[in-house]
Amino acid sequence: MLEGLILGAHLATFHVGPDAGELNSFNPGVYISSQETGWTAGYYHNSIRHGSFYVGKTFRLSQHWDITLGGVTGYYKMPVAPLIVPSYRIGLDELDPSLRGVNLRIGILPKPRTHGSGGLHLSVEKKW
């Protein structure tokens, strides 16, 4: 039933920028993605301490690099903000075969044009 799906957990963000110290770094949440179609959807507690829902499409760029493009809620000034997140996948099963299908993912969060901070976001996921 879960075959072809990726289930993930959002964990934390390391912020970089002028207001990085004011932002919430603990960003728990969940996501699901289809390996076949790339459609991805999720929820997390964002850096400004609001709930954020997102939906998008994840494109594989190489063995380890992906990019997710879509929209996200929960931020100031826009009911739905653009979501552009390149990410690097680290296969933990390459380090320990008992962790088959488990990955760490580091998302690169670009700094918004007018205000805010960019950062690196950590999540863990399981491919079924």
N, C-alpha and C. Protein backbone atom coordinates (compact mmCIF):
# COMPACT_ATOMS: atom_id res chain seq x y z
N MET A 1 0.81 -1.20 0.00
CA MET A 1 0.00 0.00 0.00
C MET A 1 0.85 1.27 0.00
N LEU A 2 2.01 1.24 0.66
CA LEU A 2 2.89 2.40 0.69
C LEU A 2 3.93 2.38 -0.42
N GLU A 3 3.94 1.32 -1.21
CA GLU A 3 4.95 1.19 -2.25
C GLU A 3 4.93 2.40 -3.19
N GLY A 4 6.11 2.94 -3.47
CA GLY A 4 6.24 4.09 -4.34
C GLY A 4 6.09 5.43 -3.64
N LEU A 5 5.92 5.40 -2.31
CA LEU A 5 5.76 6.64 -1.56
C LEU A 5 7.00 6.94 -0.72
N ILE A 6 7.19 8.21 -0.46
CA ILE A 6 8.21 8.67 0.49
C ILE A 6 7.46 9.37 1.61
N LEU A 7 7.68 8.93 2.84
CA LEU A 7 7.10 9.58 4.02
C LEU A 7 8.24 10.26 4.75
N GLY A 8 8.04 11.52 5.11
CA GLY A 8 9.12 12.28 5.73
C GLY A 8 8.69 13.05 6.95
N ALA A 9 9.68 13.42 7.74
CA ALA A 9 9.47 14.24 8.94
C ALA A 9 10.38 15.46 8.88
N HIS A 10 9.79 16.64 8.96
CA HIS A 10 10.56 17.88 9.06
C HIS A 10 11.09 17.99 10.49
N LEU A 11 12.34 18.45 10.64
CA LEU A 11 12.95 18.51 11.95
C LEU A 11 13.35 19.91 12.38
N ALA A 12 14.30 20.52 11.68
CA ALA A 12 14.87 21.78 12.15
C ALA A 12 15.44 22.58 10.99
N THR A 13 15.64 23.89 11.26
CA THR A 13 16.23 24.78 10.27
C THR A 13 17.35 25.59 10.91
N PHE A 14 18.48 25.67 10.23
CA PHE A 14 19.57 26.54 10.62
C PHE A 14 19.44 27.80 9.76
N HIS A 15 19.07 28.93 10.39
CA HIS A 15 18.81 30.17 9.66
C HIS A 15 20.08 31.00 9.49
N VAL A 16 20.15 31.68 8.35
CA VAL A 16 21.26 32.57 8.04
C VAL A 16 20.66 33.88 7.54
N GLY A 17 21.02 34.99 8.19
CA GLY A 17 20.50 36.29 7.76
C GLY A 17 20.35 37.22 8.94
N PRO A 18 19.90 38.46 8.65
CA PRO A 18 19.86 39.49 9.69
C PRO A 18 18.92 39.18 10.85
N ASP A 19 17.85 38.46 10.62
CA ASP A 19 16.91 38.17 11.72
C ASP A 19 16.94 36.71 12.14
N ALA A 20 18.03 36.02 11.83
CA ALA A 20 18.13 34.58 12.11
C ALA A 20 17.93 34.25 13.58
N GLY A 21 18.41 35.10 14.49
CA GLY A 21 18.30 34.84 15.91
C GLY A 21 16.89 34.91 16.44
N GLU A 22 16.00 35.59 15.73
CA GLU A 22 14.61 35.75 16.16
C GLU A 22 13.72 34.62 15.67
N LEU A 23 14.22 33.80 14.78
CA LEU A 23 13.40 32.78 14.13
C LEU A 23 13.41 31.46 14.89
N ASN A 24 12.31 30.74 14.77
CA ASN A 24 12.15 29.43 15.37
C ASN A 24 12.93 28.39 14.56
N SER A 25 13.82 27.67 15.19
CA SER A 25 14.62 26.66 14.49
C SER A 25 14.04 25.26 14.59
N PHE A 26 13.13 25.02 15.51
CA PHE A 26 12.50 23.72 15.66
C PHE A 26 11.24 23.71 14.80
N ASN A 27 11.27 22.97 13.71
CA ASN A 27 10.21 23.02 12.71
C ASN A 27 9.61 21.65 12.43
N PRO A 28 8.95 21.05 13.43
CA PRO A 28 8.40 19.71 13.22
C PRO A 28 7.27 19.72 12.19
N GLY A 29 7.19 18.62 11.45
CA GLY A 29 6.14 18.47 10.47
C GLY A 29 6.26 17.15 9.75
N VAL A 30 5.38 16.93 8.79
CA VAL A 30 5.35 15.68 8.03
C VAL A 30 5.15 15.99 6.56
N TYR A 31 5.57 15.05 5.71
CA TYR A 31 5.29 15.18 4.28
C TYR A 31 5.18 13.82 3.63
N ILE A 32 4.57 13.82 2.46
CA ILE A 32 4.43 12.62 1.65
C ILE A 32 4.73 13.01 0.21
N SER A 33 5.39 12.11 -0.50
CA SER A 33 5.75 12.38 -1.88
C SER A 33 5.63 11.09 -2.68
N SER A 34 5.22 11.21 -3.93
CA SER A 34 5.13 10.07 -4.83
C SER A 34 6.43 9.95 -5.61
N GLN A 35 7.07 8.79 -5.52
CA GLN A 35 8.30 8.58 -6.30
C GLN A 35 8.00 8.57 -7.80
N GLU A 36 6.81 8.13 -8.17
CA GLU A 36 6.44 8.01 -9.58
C GLU A 36 6.13 9.36 -10.22
N THR A 37 5.31 10.19 -9.54
CA THR A 37 4.86 11.44 -10.15
C THR A 37 5.61 12.67 -9.64
N GLY A 38 6.22 12.58 -8.44
CA GLY A 38 6.90 13.73 -7.86
C GLY A 38 6.00 14.64 -7.05
N TRP A 39 4.69 14.42 -7.06
CA TRP A 39 3.81 15.29 -6.27
C TRP A 39 4.13 15.13 -4.80
N THR A 40 4.22 16.27 -4.12
CA THR A 40 4.64 16.33 -2.72
C THR A 40 3.71 17.26 -1.95
N ALA A 41 3.35 16.86 -0.74
CA ALA A 41 2.50 17.71 0.11
C ALA A 41 2.92 17.52 1.56
N GLY A 42 2.78 18.59 2.36
CA GLY A 42 3.16 18.46 3.75
C GLY A 42 2.71 19.62 4.61
N TYR A 43 3.06 19.50 5.87
CA TYR A 43 2.75 20.50 6.89
C TYR A 43 3.95 20.60 7.83
N TYR A 44 4.24 21.82 8.31
CA TYR A 44 5.28 22.02 9.32
C TYR A 44 5.00 23.27 10.13
N HIS A 45 5.61 23.35 11.30
CA HIS A 45 5.54 24.54 12.16
C HIS A 45 6.69 25.43 11.70
N ASN A 46 6.37 26.57 11.09
CA ASN A 46 7.41 27.32 10.39
C ASN A 46 8.25 28.22 11.31
N SER A 47 9.16 28.92 10.72
CA SER A 47 10.15 29.72 11.44
C SER A 47 9.57 30.95 12.13
N ILE A 48 8.37 31.38 11.70
CA ILE A 48 7.72 32.50 12.38
C ILE A 48 6.59 31.98 13.29
N ARG A 49 6.68 30.72 13.62
CA ARG A 49 5.79 30.07 14.60
C ARG A 49 4.34 29.98 14.15
N HIS A 50 4.14 29.80 12.85
CA HIS A 50 2.81 29.56 12.27
C HIS A 50 2.82 28.18 11.62
N GLY A 51 1.63 27.65 11.40
CA GLY A 51 1.51 26.42 10.64
C GLY A 51 1.61 26.70 9.15
N SER A 52 2.31 25.85 8.44
CA SER A 52 2.44 26.00 6.99
C SER A 52 2.05 24.70 6.29
N PHE A 53 1.16 24.82 5.32
CA PHE A 53 0.83 23.71 4.44
C PHE A 53 1.50 24.00 3.10
N TYR A 54 1.94 22.95 2.42
CA TYR A 54 2.52 23.17 1.09
C TYR A 54 2.18 22.02 0.17
N VAL A 55 2.20 22.32 -1.11
CA VAL A 55 2.04 21.32 -2.15
C VAL A 55 2.95 21.73 -3.30
N GLY A 56 3.52 20.76 -3.96
CA GLY A 56 4.41 21.06 -5.06
C GLY A 56 4.79 19.80 -5.80
N LYS A 57 5.73 19.96 -6.69
CA LYS A 57 6.23 18.84 -7.47
C LYS A 57 7.73 18.78 -7.28
N THR A 58 8.22 17.59 -6.98
CA THR A 58 9.65 17.38 -6.77
C THR A 58 10.25 16.75 -8.02
N PHE A 59 11.31 17.37 -8.50
CA PHE A 59 12.00 16.89 -9.70
C PHE A 59 13.39 16.38 -9.31
N ARG A 60 13.75 15.21 -9.77
CA ARG A 60 15.07 14.65 -9.52
C ARG A 60 16.04 15.27 -10.51
N LEU A 61 17.11 15.86 -9.98
CA LEU A 61 18.12 16.49 -10.82
C LEU A 61 19.32 15.58 -11.04
N SER A 62 19.63 14.76 -10.03
CA SER A 62 20.74 13.81 -10.13
C SER A 62 20.52 12.73 -9.07
N GLN A 63 21.50 11.90 -8.85
CA GLN A 63 21.35 10.82 -7.86
C GLN A 63 21.03 11.37 -6.47
N HIS A 64 21.58 12.51 -6.10
CA HIS A 64 21.39 13.05 -4.76
C HIS A 64 20.63 14.38 -4.71
N TRP A 65 20.55 15.11 -5.82
CA TRP A 65 19.93 16.43 -5.83
C TRP A 65 18.51 16.39 -6.39
N ASP A 66 17.60 17.08 -5.69
CA ASP A 66 16.22 17.28 -6.15
C ASP A 66 15.89 18.76 -6.02
N ILE A 67 14.78 19.16 -6.63
CA ILE A 67 14.23 20.50 -6.39
C ILE A 67 12.71 20.36 -6.31
N THR A 68 12.13 21.02 -5.33
CA THR A 68 10.68 21.03 -5.16
C THR A 68 10.17 22.43 -5.47
N LEU A 69 9.18 22.50 -6.36
CA LEU A 69 8.57 23.76 -6.77
C LEU A 69 7.08 23.70 -6.46
N GLY A 70 6.56 24.75 -5.82
CA GLY A 70 5.14 24.75 -5.50
C GLY A 70 4.74 26.00 -4.76
N GLY A 71 3.80 25.85 -3.82
CA GLY A 71 3.32 26.96 -3.02
C GLY A 71 3.21 26.56 -1.56
N VAL A 72 3.36 27.56 -0.66
CA VAL A 72 3.32 27.31 0.78
C VAL A 72 2.53 28.42 1.47
N THR A 73 1.77 28.06 2.50
CA THR A 73 1.00 29.02 3.28
C THR A 73 1.72 29.33 4.59
N GLY A 74 1.18 30.31 5.34
CA GLY A 74 1.65 30.54 6.70
C GLY A 74 2.67 31.65 6.88
N TYR A 75 2.97 32.40 5.83
CA TYR A 75 3.96 33.47 5.94
C TYR A 75 3.28 34.83 5.70
N TYR A 76 3.92 35.89 6.19
CA TYR A 76 3.39 37.25 6.07
C TYR A 76 3.34 37.69 4.61
N LYS A 77 2.43 38.59 4.34
CA LYS A 77 2.31 39.33 3.08
C LYS A 77 1.73 38.54 1.92
N MET A 78 1.69 37.20 2.00
CA MET A 78 1.13 36.42 0.89
C MET A 78 0.33 35.25 1.44
N PRO A 79 -0.90 35.07 0.97
CA PRO A 79 -1.64 33.89 1.42
C PRO A 79 -0.98 32.59 0.97
N VAL A 80 -0.39 32.63 -0.24
CA VAL A 80 0.38 31.49 -0.75
C VAL A 80 1.67 32.05 -1.33
N ALA A 81 2.79 31.64 -0.75
CA ALA A 81 4.10 32.10 -1.23
C ALA A 81 4.71 31.04 -2.15
N PRO A 82 5.58 31.45 -3.06
CA PRO A 82 6.25 30.46 -3.90
C PRO A 82 7.17 29.58 -3.05
N LEU A 83 7.23 28.32 -3.41
CA LEU A 83 8.09 27.34 -2.75
C LEU A 83 9.13 26.87 -3.77
N ILE A 84 10.38 27.17 -3.51
CA ILE A 84 11.48 26.75 -4.38
C ILE A 84 12.57 26.22 -3.46
N VAL A 85 12.69 24.89 -3.38
CA VAL A 85 13.61 24.29 -2.42
C VAL A 85 14.47 23.22 -3.09
N PRO A 86 15.72 23.57 -3.43
CA PRO A 86 16.65 22.52 -3.84
C PRO A 86 17.04 21.72 -2.60
N SER A 87 17.30 20.45 -2.76
CA SER A 87 17.68 19.63 -1.61
C SER A 87 18.67 18.55 -2.00
N TYR A 88 19.45 18.15 -1.00
CA TYR A 88 20.46 17.11 -1.17
C TYR A 88 20.09 15.93 -0.29
N ARG A 89 20.01 14.74 -0.88
CA ARG A 89 19.63 13.53 -0.17
C ARG A 89 20.86 12.72 0.19
N ILE A 90 20.93 12.34 1.47
CA ILE A 90 22.01 11.48 1.96
C ILE A 90 21.40 10.13 2.32
N GLY A 91 21.73 9.10 1.57
CA GLY A 91 21.19 7.77 1.82
C GLY A 91 21.86 7.12 3.02
N LEU A 92 21.14 6.98 4.11
CA LEU A 92 21.72 6.38 5.31
C LEU A 92 21.99 4.89 5.12
N ASP A 93 21.28 4.26 4.17
CA ASP A 93 21.54 2.85 3.91
C ASP A 93 22.91 2.64 3.26
N GLU A 94 23.50 3.70 2.73
CA GLU A 94 24.87 3.60 2.20
C GLU A 94 25.88 3.49 3.34
N LEU A 95 25.48 4.01 4.52
CA LEU A 95 26.33 3.93 5.71
C LEU A 95 26.05 2.68 6.53
N ASP A 96 24.77 2.27 6.56
CA ASP A 96 24.35 1.11 7.34
C ASP A 96 23.23 0.41 6.58
N PRO A 97 23.48 -0.77 6.02
CA PRO A 97 22.47 -1.46 5.21
C PRO A 97 21.15 -1.74 5.93
N SER A 98 21.16 -1.76 7.25
CA SER A 98 19.91 -2.00 7.99
C SER A 98 18.95 -0.80 7.89
N LEU A 99 19.43 0.34 7.41
CA LEU A 99 18.60 1.54 7.26
C LEU A 99 18.09 1.68 5.83
N ARG A 100 17.73 0.57 5.23
CA ARG A 100 17.30 0.55 3.83
C ARG A 100 16.16 1.54 3.57
N GLY A 101 16.38 2.44 2.63
CA GLY A 101 15.36 3.40 2.23
C GLY A 101 15.25 4.62 3.12
N VAL A 102 16.11 4.73 4.15
CA VAL A 102 16.05 5.89 5.05
C VAL A 102 17.08 6.92 4.58
N ASN A 103 16.64 8.16 4.47
CA ASN A 103 17.50 9.25 3.99
C ASN A 103 17.42 10.45 4.92
N LEU A 104 18.52 11.17 4.99
CA LEU A 104 18.51 12.53 5.52
C LEU A 104 18.39 13.45 4.31
N ARG A 105 17.64 14.53 4.45
CA ARG A 105 17.51 15.48 3.35
C ARG A 105 17.83 16.86 3.90
N ILE A 106 18.72 17.56 3.20
CA ILE A 106 19.08 18.93 3.56
C ILE A 106 18.51 19.84 2.48
N GLY A 107 17.52 20.64 2.86
CA GLY A 107 16.90 21.58 1.94
C GLY A 107 17.58 22.93 2.04
N ILE A 108 17.78 23.57 0.90
CA ILE A 108 18.39 24.90 0.86
C ILE A 108 17.25 25.90 0.69
N LEU A 109 17.05 26.73 1.72
CA LEU A 109 15.96 27.70 1.71
C LEU A 109 16.50 29.06 1.29
N PRO A 110 16.17 29.52 0.11
CA PRO A 110 16.68 30.83 -0.34
C PRO A 110 16.12 31.97 0.50
N LYS A 111 16.90 33.00 0.67
CA LYS A 111 16.45 34.19 1.40
C LYS A 111 15.41 34.92 0.55
N PRO A 112 14.26 35.29 1.18
CA PRO A 112 13.29 36.10 0.43
C PRO A 112 13.91 37.42 -0.02
N ARG A 113 13.38 38.00 -1.07
CA ARG A 113 13.98 39.21 -1.66
C ARG A 113 13.97 40.41 -0.72
N THR A 114 12.89 40.61 0.02
CA THR A 114 12.76 41.87 0.75
C THR A 114 13.12 41.78 2.23
N HIS A 115 12.92 40.68 2.87
CA HIS A 115 13.18 40.55 4.29
C HIS A 115 13.36 39.06 4.63
N GLY A 116 13.68 38.78 5.87
CA GLY A 116 13.77 37.39 6.29
C GLY A 116 15.17 36.82 6.14
N SER A 117 15.25 35.55 6.38
CA SER A 117 16.52 34.84 6.33
C SER A 117 16.39 33.60 5.47
N GLY A 118 17.49 33.16 4.94
CA GLY A 118 17.56 31.89 4.27
C GLY A 118 18.01 30.84 5.28
N GLY A 119 18.28 29.65 4.80
CA GLY A 119 18.76 28.65 5.74
C GLY A 119 18.90 27.27 5.14
N LEU A 120 19.25 26.35 6.02
CA LEU A 120 19.35 24.93 5.69
C LEU A 120 18.34 24.19 6.56
N HIS A 121 17.53 23.37 5.93
CA HIS A 121 16.47 22.64 6.64
C HIS A 121 16.78 21.15 6.63
N LEU A 122 16.62 20.51 7.77
CA LEU A 122 16.91 19.09 7.91
C LEU A 122 15.61 18.29 8.05
N SER A 123 15.52 17.22 7.28
CA SER A 123 14.40 16.30 7.43
C SER A 123 14.93 14.88 7.28
N VAL A 124 14.13 13.92 7.71
CA VAL A 124 14.45 12.51 7.55
C VAL A 124 13.26 11.87 6.84
N GLU A 125 13.55 10.90 5.97
CA GLU A 125 12.47 10.30 5.20
C GLU A 125 12.71 8.82 4.98
N LYS A 126 11.64 8.12 4.65
CA LYS A 126 11.69 6.69 4.36
C LYS A 126 11.03 6.45 3.03
N LYS A 127 11.75 5.79 2.14
CA LYS A 127 11.22 5.41 0.83
C LYS A 127 10.63 4.01 0.95
N TRP A 128 9.40 3.82 0.49
CA TRP A 128 8.74 2.51 0.53
C TRP A 128 8.74 1.87 -0.83
